[in-house]
Protein backbone atom coordinates (compact mmCIF):
# COMPACT_ATOMS: atom_id res chain seq x y z
CA UNK A 1 -2.08 -1.17 2.24
CA UNK A 2 -4.90 -2.26 0.22
CA UNK A 3 -5.09 -2.20 -4.18
CA UNK A 4 -8.13 -2.12 -6.37
CA UNK A 5 -7.23 -3.74 -9.80
CA UNK A 6 -9.09 -3.68 -12.79
CA UNK A 7 -8.81 -7.59 -14.28
CA UNK A 8 -10.25 -9.22 -17.62
CA UNK A 9 -10.92 -12.56 -16.70
CA UNK A 10 -10.60 -14.25 -13.00
CA UNK A 11 -6.94 -15.82 -13.47
CA UNK A 12 -3.61 -14.36 -12.61
CA UNK A 13 -2.35 -14.16 -15.95
CA UNK A 14 -5.27 -11.94 -17.10
CA UNK A 15 -4.70 -8.53 -18.08
CA UNK A 16 -5.70 -5.08 -16.48
CA UNK A 17 -9.06 -3.61 -17.61
CA UNK A 18 -9.08 -0.62 -19.66
CA UNK A 19 -12.29 0.16 -17.98
CA UNK A 20 -12.89 0.55 -14.48
CA UNK A 21 -16.33 0.60 -13.08
CA UNK A 22 -17.31 -1.96 -15.78
CA UNK A 23 -14.26 -4.27 -15.68
CA UNK A 24 -15.20 -7.83 -15.04
CA UNK A 25 -13.23 -8.72 -12.07
CA UNK A 26 -10.78 -6.47 -9.16
CA UNK A 27 -7.81 -8.66 -7.59
CA UNK A 28 -7.90 -7.37 -4.38
CA UNK A 29 -3.85 -6.97 -3.01
CA UNK A 30 -2.68 -6.56 0.33
CA UNK A 31 0.58 -5.40 0.38
CA UNK A 32 0.78 -6.06 4.13
CA UNK A 33 0.71 -9.28 3.86
CA UNK A 34 1.59 -10.20 -0.23
CA UNK A 35 -1.99 -11.83 -0.64
CA UNK A 36 -4.35 -11.46 -3.50
CA UNK A 37 -8.08 -11.98 -3.63
CA UNK A 38 -9.35 -11.70 -6.78
CA UNK A 39 -13.75 -11.08 -7.07
CA UNK A 40 -15.87 -10.79 -9.43
CA UNK A 41 -17.57 -6.86 -10.24
CA UNK A 42 -21.04 -7.14 -9.02
CA UNK A 43 -21.63 -4.00 -10.67
CA UNK A 44 -20.35 -3.80 -14.14
CA UNK A 45 -23.72 -4.64 -15.91
CA UNK A 46 -25.79 -1.81 -13.56
CA UNK A 47 -27.10 0.71 -16.10
CA UNK A 48 -26.97 3.92 -14.17
CA UNK A 49 -24.45 4.86 -11.00
CA UNK A 50 -22.18 1.30 -11.24
CA UNK A 51 -19.14 3.14 -10.46
CA UNK A 52 -20.47 4.97 -7.72
CA UNK A 53 -21.98 1.25 -5.93
CA UNK A 54 -18.67 0.06 -6.88
CA UNK A 55 -16.63 2.64 -5.15
CA UNK A 56 -18.92 2.75 -1.79
CA UNK A 57 -18.22 -1.62 -1.89
CA UNK A 58 -14.56 -1.57 -2.39
CA UNK A 59 -14.47 1.27 -0.04
CA UNK A 60 -16.63 -0.13 2.91
CA UNK A 61 -16.59 -4.03 1.92
CA UNK A 62 -12.33 -4.60 0.33
CA UNK A 63 -11.24 -1.53 2.94
CA UNK A 64 -8.97 0.06 -0.05
CA UNK A 65 -6.64 2.54 0.29
CA UNK A 66 -5.44 2.40 -3.61
CA UNK A 67 -6.99 1.74 -7.04
CA UNK A 68 -4.56 1.32 -9.60
CA UNK A 69 -5.95 2.12 -13.52
CA UNK A 70 -4.95 1.50 -17.22
CA UNK A 71 -7.79 4.57 -17.60
CA UNK A 72 -10.11 5.57 -14.35
CA UNK A 73 -13.50 8.14 -15.43
CA UNK A 74 -13.37 11.27 -13.88
CA UNK A 75 -16.28 11.01 -11.18
CA UNK A 76 -13.65 7.97 -9.98
CA UNK A 77 -10.87 10.33 -9.88
CA UNK A 78 -12.84 12.78 -8.33
CA UNK A 79 -14.48 10.22 -5.46
CA UNK A 80 -10.84 8.29 -4.82
CA UNK A 81 -9.65 12.04 -4.29
CA UNK A 82 -12.62 13.19 -1.89
CA UNK A 83 -11.90 9.55 -0.14
CA UNK A 84 -7.80 10.36 0.37
CA UNK A 85 -7.57 7.63 -1.36
CA UNK A 86 -3.97 6.98 -3.80
CA UNK A 87 -4.86 7.13 -7.57
CA UNK A 88 -2.25 4.87 -9.51
CA UNK A 89 -2.42 4.73 -13.23
CA UNK A 90 -0.50 2.22 -15.42
CA UNK A 91 0.28 3.18 -19.32
CA UNK A 92 0.42 0.14 -20.53
CA UNK A 93 -2.87 -2.17 -20.76
CA UNK A 94 -1.34 -5.17 -21.66
CA UNK A 95 0.61 -5.47 -18.36
CA UNK A 96 -0.84 -8.97 -16.38
CA UNK A 97 -1.96 -8.83 -12.57
CA UNK A 98 1.35 -11.37 -11.71
CA UNK A 99 3.09 -8.66 -13.83
CA UNK A 100 2.42 -5.87 -11.84
CA UNK A 101 2.58 -8.34 -8.34
CA UNK A 102 6.00 -8.91 -9.54
CA UNK A 103 6.56 -4.86 -9.71
CA UNK A 104 5.04 -4.44 -6.54
CA UNK A 105 7.54 -7.23 -5.10
CA UNK A 106 4.40 -9.79 -4.74
CA UNK A 107 5.07 -13.01 -5.20
CA UNK A 108 2.25 -14.22 -7.81
CA UNK A 109 3.00 -18.15 -6.37
CA UNK A 110 2.07 -17.51 -3.06
CA UNK A 111 0.21 -14.29 -3.43
CA UNK A 112 -3.76 -16.01 -3.91
CA UNK A 113 -6.11 -16.54 -1.59
CA UNK A 114 -9.19 -18.14 -2.19
């Protein structure tokens, strides 16, 4: 399973972004091998259609199976449902990426790939 997680900074101790399509970065977590890649959100500053473009990029280029977020717009939820993606909503945006990885039984010290 490959999970997209919106994060505030390009750091492993970054907190989860409170916005999904406009987040600064995404952590792409591959649960099958325990690896994580942090990538910049190239669509965050687009005036119109950022969510749609981001969604297609996550599906086509990152091969995601799930979205994890603190908050997600209705259109993003609808597209994810139509694409049969798992949606994981957490109730605490102060969680860090490292804390989420530990919760997923992924060792943060060995998870990050360049």
